[in-house]
Amino acid sequence: MSSLVNKDLRFDALFNSASIGIIVVNGMGIIDMANHFAHELFHYPNNEMIGLVLEQLIPQRYHHKHVKHRTNYNEQPQSRPMGANMILSAQRKDGSEFPVEISLGHFTKDNEKYTIAFIIDITIRRANEELTKSLEKEKEVNDLKSRFVSMASHEFRTPLSTILSSISLLAKYTQTEDQPKRDKHIDRIKSSVKTLTDILNEFLSLGKIEEGKIDVHKLTFDLYEFIETILYEMSILCKPGQDLVYEHKGDKQLYGDSNLLKHVLVNLVSNAIKFSPENTCIKVTTEINQKKTSITIIDQGIGIPVEDQVHLFERFFRASNVTNIQGTGLGLHIVGRYVDLMEGAIEYKSELELGSQFTITLPNQEF
C-alpha cells in the first residue's frame, strides 16, 4: 500500500512541478486534470479549470472548428510532437489571448479515451520572431533604397544628359530652315522624358505591390480590340523594319483586370522591341477557350543566357547580355507579380541570339 501511495506522490510532484501546462481531457471535451502551471498560464485559481469544457480556453471564433477537430482526434488519436508547425491561440480567464504550441498524447482508462495536452506560451518567441522579421524587412528596404540610388544615378544620367544637350542645341537653331533640326531634338527630348516617366512608374508600381495596395478590378472586355489598341500605340517604338503581327483564336470576350493586363503586355512587347534588331517580326498570339486565356509574345531578339534565366523575375536583375541597353531590371519582376495577382501563370522559352517567347495563361471565370 505504501508503494502505491509513494507512486501517487511522485506522480503528483511530477505533474504539478512541471514548468509546462498539462491538461487532461476526457472524450466529451471536459477537463479532468490540469496542473498548477496550466492554471497559472490561463490565470485560473487552482483546481478551477477542472470540469470546464476545453473550448473555454480557446477564443470564441475558433470554437466550431475546434469541436470538429477534437471529435476527429478522438476517433483517430495520434501523438503530435511539440513544434509541429501548429501555432494556436489560447484564451485566459479574463478573455485575453496569447499564442501557444501544443503537443498531444492519448491514453485509455476504464474503456474511456483521454487526451493529454502539453502547452507552452510562445509569446516571447513570437515577439522575437516578429522583431527578426521586422529587422530583415528594414534591411531589405535599405538594400532596395541603395540599389535604387545606384540604378537611378546610372539610368537617369543618360536621358537627362540628352535633354540638356538637346535644349542647348535648340537655342542655336533660330532660322526657319532649321525646323527639321529642331524637330529632331524635340523628339529626343520627348523620348528621354518618356524613359524617365517609365522608370518612375516602375518604382511606383513596385512600391504599391510591396505595400499590398494593388487591387484587382475585373470586367468584361474585347481582348482582340484590347490587343490591337496596345500594339497600335506601341508601333511608334518599333525600330526600322520591325513589324508587330497579331493573331487571335476563339472567343474574344475576356473577364479580367484590363489595367493590370495592359501593364504586363506593354512591358513584354516593349522588351521584345527593345531587345530585337531591325527588320524582325514580333508576333503576338491570343486564344480564349472554355478553360483558359493564353497570350504569347514571340520575338527574334538577342535571347536570354541560360545561366541568367533562373533569376529573370527577381528585382533589379538584368541579364548579362543587356548591360549596354537601358533598363531598370524591374519590369519582369512587376510583370510576374501582376500575373500572380490575376491568378495566372507566366512561362518563357529563350535561346541566345534566337529570341524569346513569353506565354501568359489566365483562368477563365464566369462573369
Protein backbone atom coordinates (compact mmCIF):
# COMPACT_ATOMS: atom_id res chain seq x y z
CA MET A 1 0.00 0.00 0.00
CA SER A 2 2.81 2.40 0.84
CA SER A 3 4.34 1.71 -2.59
CA LEU A 4 1.12 2.85 -4.29
CA VAL A 5 0.99 5.94 -2.11
CA ASN A 6 4.59 6.75 -2.99
CA LYS A 7 3.77 6.34 -6.68
CA ASP A 8 0.82 8.73 -6.34
CA LEU A 9 3.01 11.25 -4.52
CA ARG A 10 5.72 11.01 -7.18
CA PHE A 11 3.17 11.47 -9.94
CA ASP A 12 1.61 14.45 -8.17
CA ALA A 13 5.03 16.02 -7.65
CA LEU A 14 5.94 15.50 -11.30
CA PHE A 15 2.56 16.69 -12.58
CA ASN A 16 2.32 19.85 -10.52
CA SER A 17 6.00 20.80 -10.52
CA ALA A 18 6.28 20.74 -14.31
CA SER A 19 7.16 24.10 -15.91
CA ILE A 20 4.78 23.42 -18.75
CA GLY A 21 0.99 23.44 -18.84
CA ILE A 22 -0.52 19.93 -18.72
CA ILE A 23 -4.23 19.35 -19.25
CA VAL A 24 -6.06 16.00 -19.42
CA VAL A 25 -9.39 15.99 -21.27
CA ASN A 26 -11.96 13.19 -21.46
CA GLY A 27 -13.81 12.06 -24.57
CA MET A 28 -16.54 14.68 -24.01
CA GLY A 29 -14.05 17.54 -24.07
CA ILE A 30 -14.25 18.12 -20.30
CA ILE A 31 -11.05 18.94 -18.43
CA ASP A 32 -10.36 16.09 -16.00
CA MET A 33 -6.98 17.25 -14.74
CA ALA A 34 -4.86 20.41 -15.01
CA ASN A 35 -1.55 21.06 -13.29
CA HIS A 36 -0.54 24.19 -11.37
CA PHE A 37 1.37 25.63 -14.30
CA ALA A 38 -1.69 25.32 -16.57
CA HIS A 39 -3.78 27.22 -14.02
CA GLU A 40 -1.15 29.97 -13.89
CA LEU A 41 -0.89 30.01 -17.68
CA PHE A 42 -4.62 30.58 -18.13
CA HIS A 43 -4.99 32.76 -14.97
CA TYR A 44 -7.36 30.42 -13.13
CA PRO A 45 -7.21 29.74 -9.39
CA ASN A 46 -6.02 26.22 -8.52
CA ASN A 47 -8.48 23.44 -9.49
CA GLU A 48 -10.96 25.90 -11.07
CA MET A 49 -10.18 24.53 -14.53
CA ILE A 50 -11.36 21.05 -13.55
CA GLY A 51 -14.76 20.40 -15.12
CA LEU A 52 -14.52 23.19 -17.71
CA VAL A 53 -15.26 22.46 -21.34
CA LEU A 54 -11.96 22.64 -23.21
CA GLU A 55 -13.33 25.25 -25.65
CA GLN A 56 -13.45 27.75 -22.78
CA LEU A 57 -9.68 28.02 -23.16
CA ILE A 58 -9.98 28.88 -26.85
CA PRO A 59 -11.17 32.15 -28.46
CA GLN A 60 -14.87 32.05 -29.40
CA ARG A 61 -14.22 32.40 -33.13
CA TYR A 62 -12.44 29.02 -33.18
CA HIS A 63 -14.99 27.01 -31.13
CA HIS A 64 -16.87 25.44 -34.04
CA LYS A 65 -13.74 24.26 -35.83
CA HIS A 66 -12.12 23.05 -32.63
CA VAL A 67 -15.07 20.86 -31.63
CA LYS A 68 -14.81 19.17 -35.04
CA HIS A 69 -11.04 18.74 -34.68
CA ARG A 70 -11.47 17.32 -31.19
CA THR A 71 -14.09 14.83 -32.40
CA ASN A 72 -11.87 13.72 -35.28
CA TYR A 73 -8.91 13.34 -32.93
CA ASN A 74 -10.90 11.13 -30.53
CA GLU A 75 -11.90 8.89 -33.42
CA GLN A 76 -8.31 8.53 -34.65
CA PRO A 77 -5.98 9.65 -31.85
CA GLN A 78 -2.28 10.01 -32.61
CA SER A 79 0.59 11.66 -30.83
CA ARG A 80 1.61 15.11 -32.05
CA PRO A 81 5.04 16.41 -31.06
CA MET A 82 5.72 19.94 -29.91
CA GLY A 83 6.72 22.35 -32.66
CA ALA A 84 4.79 20.58 -35.43
CA ASN A 85 4.07 23.92 -37.14
CA MET A 86 0.89 24.29 -35.08
CA ILE A 87 0.87 27.76 -33.55
CA LEU A 88 -2.52 28.26 -31.92
CA SER A 89 -4.36 30.94 -29.98
CA ALA A 90 -5.37 30.35 -26.36
CA GLN A 91 -7.64 32.41 -24.12
CA ARG A 92 -7.11 33.28 -20.47
CA LYS A 93 -9.93 33.57 -17.94
CA ASP A 94 -10.07 37.34 -18.44
CA GLY A 95 -10.56 36.89 -22.21
CA SER A 96 -7.06 37.96 -23.25
CA GLU A 97 -5.37 35.84 -25.92
CA PHE A 98 -1.85 34.52 -26.28
CA PRO A 99 -0.04 32.23 -28.76
CA VAL A 100 0.73 28.65 -27.74
CA GLU A 101 2.27 25.48 -29.05
CA ILE A 102 0.59 22.23 -28.05
CA SER A 103 1.85 18.66 -28.01
CA LEU A 104 -0.82 15.94 -27.83
CA GLY A 105 -0.83 12.42 -26.43
CA HIS A 106 -3.60 9.97 -25.62
CA PHE A 107 -4.41 7.03 -23.37
CA THR A 108 -7.35 4.85 -22.37
CA LYS A 109 -8.52 4.16 -18.83
CA ASP A 110 -11.56 2.08 -17.85
CA ASN A 111 -12.56 1.97 -21.56
CA GLU A 112 -12.67 5.77 -21.76
CA LYS A 113 -10.39 7.73 -24.07
CA TYR A 114 -8.40 10.65 -22.72
CA THR A 115 -6.27 13.27 -24.45
CA ILE A 116 -3.33 14.86 -22.70
CA ALA A 117 -2.14 18.25 -23.90
CA PHE A 118 1.25 19.79 -23.10
CA ILE A 119 1.04 23.58 -23.55
CA ILE A 120 3.73 26.25 -23.77
CA ASP A 121 3.30 30.00 -24.05
CA ILE A 122 5.34 31.25 -27.04
CA THR A 123 4.59 34.96 -26.67
CA ILE A 124 8.25 35.88 -26.17
CA ARG A 125 9.38 33.68 -29.04
CA ARG A 126 6.73 35.16 -31.35
CA ALA A 127 7.79 38.66 -30.33
CA ASN A 128 11.39 37.78 -31.13
CA GLU A 129 10.34 36.29 -34.48
CA GLU A 130 8.35 39.42 -35.33
CA LEU A 131 11.33 41.58 -34.35
CA THR A 132 13.62 39.48 -36.54
CA LYS A 133 11.19 39.74 -39.46
CA SER A 134 10.91 43.49 -38.92
CA LEU A 135 14.70 43.88 -38.91
CA GLU A 136 15.01 41.72 -42.03
CA LYS A 137 12.32 43.80 -43.73
CA GLU A 138 14.10 47.01 -42.75
CA LYS A 139 17.37 45.64 -44.12
CA GLU A 140 15.60 44.64 -47.33
CA VAL A 141 14.12 48.14 -47.68
CA ASN A 142 17.54 49.71 -47.08
CA ASP A 143 19.09 47.42 -49.68
CA LEU A 144 16.28 48.35 -52.05
CA LYS A 145 16.95 52.06 -51.49
CA SER A 146 20.68 51.58 -52.06
CA ARG A 147 20.09 49.67 -55.28
CA PHE A 148 17.60 52.30 -56.40
CA VAL A 149 20.08 55.12 -55.82
CA SER A 150 22.75 53.18 -57.68
CA MET A 151 20.44 52.34 -60.57
CA ALA A 152 18.86 55.79 -60.72
CA SER A 153 22.22 57.54 -60.84
CA HIS A 154 23.06 55.44 -63.89
CA GLU A 155 19.69 55.20 -65.67
CA PHE A 156 18.68 58.83 -65.11
CA ARG A 157 22.01 60.19 -66.29
CA THR A 158 21.60 59.32 -69.98
CA PRO A 159 18.11 60.78 -70.61
CA LEU A 160 18.86 63.85 -68.51
CA SER A 161 22.06 64.46 -70.45
CA THR A 162 20.15 64.03 -73.70
CA ILE A 163 17.50 66.53 -72.60
CA LEU A 164 20.12 69.05 -71.52
CA SER A 165 22.18 68.81 -74.72
CA SER A 166 19.07 68.95 -76.95
CA ILE A 167 17.77 72.06 -75.19
CA SER A 168 21.18 73.70 -75.58
CA LEU A 169 21.21 72.88 -79.31
CA LEU A 170 17.62 74.04 -79.81
CA ALA A 171 18.64 77.53 -78.73
CA LYS A 172 21.09 77.68 -81.66
CA TYR A 173 18.51 76.86 -84.34
CA THR A 174 16.85 80.24 -84.89
CA GLN A 175 16.16 80.19 -88.61
CA THR A 176 13.01 78.85 -90.27
CA GLU A 177 15.02 76.39 -92.34
CA ASP A 178 16.32 74.86 -89.09
CA GLN A 179 12.89 73.39 -88.22
CA PRO A 180 13.86 69.77 -89.13
CA LYS A 181 16.80 70.03 -86.75
CA ARG A 182 14.56 71.46 -84.04
CA ASP A 183 12.05 68.64 -84.59
CA LYS A 184 14.83 66.07 -84.23
CA HIS A 185 15.87 67.41 -80.84
CA ILE A 186 12.27 67.83 -79.69
CA ASP A 187 11.72 64.13 -80.45
CA ARG A 188 14.86 63.26 -78.49
CA ILE A 189 13.54 65.26 -75.52
CA LYS A 190 10.14 63.54 -75.71
CA SER A 191 11.79 60.12 -75.84
CA SER A 192 14.02 60.91 -72.86
CA VAL A 193 11.07 62.24 -70.82
CA LYS A 194 9.17 59.03 -71.60
CA THR A 195 12.15 56.98 -70.42
CA LEU A 196 12.26 58.89 -67.13
CA THR A 197 8.49 58.52 -66.72
CA ASP A 198 8.70 54.76 -67.33
CA ILE A 199 11.42 54.38 -64.71
CA LEU A 200 9.42 56.33 -62.13
CA ASN A 201 6.24 54.39 -62.94
CA GLU A 202 8.07 51.11 -62.39
CA PHE A 203 9.19 52.23 -58.95
CA LEU A 204 5.71 53.46 -58.09
CA SER A 205 4.27 50.10 -59.17
CA LEU A 206 6.87 48.21 -57.14
CA GLY A 207 6.10 50.32 -54.08
CA LYS A 208 2.37 49.66 -54.37
CA ILE A 209 2.98 45.93 -54.81
CA GLU A 210 5.24 45.73 -51.76
CA GLU A 211 2.66 47.63 -49.68
CA GLY A 212 -0.21 45.43 -50.89
CA LYS A 213 -2.00 48.40 -52.44
CA ILE A 214 -2.70 46.83 -55.85
CA ASP A 215 -6.37 45.85 -56.17
CA VAL A 216 -7.74 43.60 -58.90
CA HIS A 217 -10.77 45.05 -60.70
CA LYS A 218 -12.33 42.62 -63.17
CA LEU A 219 -14.65 43.47 -66.03
CA THR A 220 -15.62 42.01 -69.40
CA PHE A 221 -13.78 43.40 -72.41
CA ASP A 222 -12.95 42.51 -76.01
CA LEU A 223 -9.45 41.02 -75.89
CA TYR A 224 -8.94 41.32 -79.66
CA GLU A 225 -9.64 45.09 -79.72
CA PHE A 226 -7.65 45.47 -76.49
CA ILE A 227 -4.50 43.91 -78.00
CA GLU A 228 -4.96 45.76 -81.32
CA THR A 229 -5.05 49.09 -79.48
CA ILE A 230 -1.95 48.31 -77.41
CA LEU A 231 0.05 47.24 -80.47
CA TYR A 232 -1.03 50.34 -82.39
CA GLU A 233 0.10 52.58 -79.53
CA MET A 234 3.43 50.75 -79.29
CA SER A 235 4.17 50.70 -83.01
CA ILE A 236 5.87 54.11 -82.68
CA LEU A 237 8.60 52.40 -80.62
CA CYS A 238 9.47 49.96 -83.40
CA LYS A 239 12.91 50.12 -84.97
CA PRO A 240 13.23 50.42 -88.75
CA GLY A 241 11.82 47.31 -90.40
CA GLN A 242 10.33 45.85 -87.23
CA ASP A 243 6.80 44.52 -87.64
CA LEU A 244 4.15 43.78 -84.99
CA VAL A 245 1.93 40.85 -86.05
CA TYR A 246 -1.19 39.76 -84.17
CA GLU A 247 -3.29 36.58 -84.44
CA HIS A 248 -6.29 35.51 -82.36
CA LYS A 249 -8.27 32.28 -81.93
CA GLY A 250 -11.54 31.54 -80.14
CA ASP A 251 -13.92 33.79 -78.28
CA LYS A 252 -12.98 37.46 -77.96
CA GLN A 253 -14.59 38.28 -74.61
CA LEU A 254 -12.34 38.14 -71.55
CA TYR A 255 -13.29 38.68 -67.91
CA GLY A 256 -10.28 40.14 -66.11
CA ASP A 257 -8.37 43.21 -64.99
CA SER A 258 -7.59 45.15 -68.17
CA ASN A 259 -5.33 47.68 -66.37
CA LEU A 260 -3.01 45.04 -64.91
CA LEU A 261 -3.02 43.08 -68.16
CA LYS A 262 -2.15 46.20 -70.17
CA HIS A 263 0.83 46.91 -67.92
CA VAL A 264 2.03 43.32 -68.39
CA LEU A 265 1.65 43.37 -72.17
CA VAL A 266 3.20 46.81 -72.63
CA ASN A 267 6.24 45.64 -70.69
CA LEU A 268 6.64 42.37 -72.60
CA VAL A 269 6.07 43.92 -76.04
CA SER A 270 8.39 46.86 -75.33
CA ASN A 271 11.07 44.37 -74.23
CA ALA A 272 10.58 42.43 -77.47
CA ILE A 273 11.02 45.65 -79.45
CA LYS A 274 13.98 46.85 -77.39
CA PHE A 275 15.92 43.59 -77.47
CA SER A 276 15.21 42.70 -81.12
CA PRO A 277 17.22 44.02 -84.07
CA GLU A 278 15.87 45.94 -87.03
CA ASN A 279 13.91 44.16 -89.79
CA THR A 280 12.50 41.47 -87.49
CA CYS A 281 8.97 40.31 -86.68
CA ILE A 282 7.43 40.43 -83.20
CA LYS A 283 4.41 38.15 -83.04
CA VAL A 284 1.57 38.28 -80.53
CA THR A 285 -0.99 35.44 -80.39
CA THR A 286 -4.03 35.10 -78.17
CA GLU A 287 -6.52 32.29 -77.64
CA ILE A 288 -9.60 32.03 -75.46
CA ASN A 289 -11.24 28.67 -74.78
CA GLN A 290 -13.57 27.40 -72.08
CA LYS A 291 -10.83 26.85 -69.51
CA LYS A 292 -8.18 29.50 -70.08
CA THR A 293 -6.89 32.50 -71.97
CA SER A 294 -3.39 32.35 -73.44
CA ILE A 295 -1.31 35.32 -74.59
CA THR A 296 2.06 34.72 -76.23
CA ILE A 297 4.72 37.23 -77.30
CA ILE A 298 7.46 35.89 -79.58
CA ASP A 299 10.50 37.86 -80.72
CA GLN A 300 13.66 37.23 -82.73
CA GLY A 301 15.88 39.15 -80.37
CA ILE A 302 19.12 38.59 -78.53
CA GLY A 303 17.64 35.98 -76.18
CA ILE A 304 18.48 35.29 -72.54
CA PRO A 305 21.58 33.36 -71.42
CA VAL A 306 20.66 30.04 -69.80
CA GLU A 307 22.53 30.84 -66.60
CA ASP A 308 20.53 34.09 -66.23
CA GLN A 309 17.07 32.63 -66.77
CA VAL A 310 16.60 31.39 -63.22
CA HIS A 311 16.88 34.99 -61.95
CA LEU A 312 14.64 36.51 -64.62
CA PHE A 313 11.81 37.71 -62.33
CA GLU A 314 13.99 38.97 -59.49
CA ARG A 315 14.06 42.65 -58.59
CA PHE A 316 16.76 44.70 -60.34
CA PHE A 317 18.07 41.68 -62.23
CA ARG A 318 19.36 42.32 -65.71
CA ALA A 319 20.74 39.61 -67.97
CA SER A 320 24.46 39.70 -68.64
CA ASN A 321 23.99 40.39 -72.36
CA VAL A 322 21.88 43.59 -71.97
CA THR A 323 24.24 45.79 -69.98
CA ASN A 324 24.51 48.24 -72.89
CA ILE A 325 20.71 48.54 -73.23
CA GLN A 326 18.82 50.87 -70.90
CA GLY A 327 16.57 49.35 -68.23
CA THR A 328 15.90 49.14 -64.50
CA GLY A 329 15.67 45.38 -64.04
CA LEU A 330 12.23 45.83 -62.50
CA GLY A 331 9.95 45.23 -65.48
CA LEU A 332 9.76 41.44 -65.43
CA HIS A 333 9.59 41.39 -61.63
CA ILE A 334 6.49 43.59 -61.77
CA VAL A 335 5.09 41.51 -64.64
CA GLY A 336 5.42 38.35 -62.55
CA ARG A 337 3.75 39.97 -59.53
CA TYR A 338 0.87 41.33 -61.63
CA VAL A 339 0.29 37.92 -63.24
CA ASP A 340 0.16 36.39 -59.74
CA LEU A 341 -2.43 38.99 -58.70
CA MET A 342 -4.53 37.96 -61.72
CA GLU A 343 -4.23 34.31 -60.54
CA GLY A 344 -2.40 33.46 -63.74
CA ALA A 345 0.93 31.95 -64.73
CA ILE A 346 3.79 33.06 -66.95
CA GLU A 347 6.18 30.77 -68.81
CA TYR A 348 9.09 31.54 -71.09
CA LYS A 349 11.47 29.96 -73.57
CA SER A 350 14.62 31.63 -74.80
CA GLU A 351 17.77 30.87 -76.75
CA LEU A 352 20.74 33.13 -77.06
CA GLU A 353 20.64 35.09 -80.36
CA LEU A 354 17.47 33.23 -81.43
CA GLY A 355 14.82 35.12 -79.49
CA SER A 356 12.42 34.69 -76.60
CA GLN A 357 8.83 33.58 -76.08
CA PHE A 358 6.68 34.59 -73.10
CA THR A 359 3.27 33.00 -72.52
CA ILE A 360 0.71 34.27 -70.03
CA THR A 361 -2.10 31.94 -69.01
CA LEU A 362 -5.16 33.30 -67.21
CA PRO A 363 -8.00 31.16 -65.83
CA ASN A 364 -11.38 31.87 -67.39
CA GLN A 365 -14.04 32.72 -64.84
CA GLU A 366 -17.76 33.31 -65.11
CA PHE A 367 -18.87 36.93 -65.28
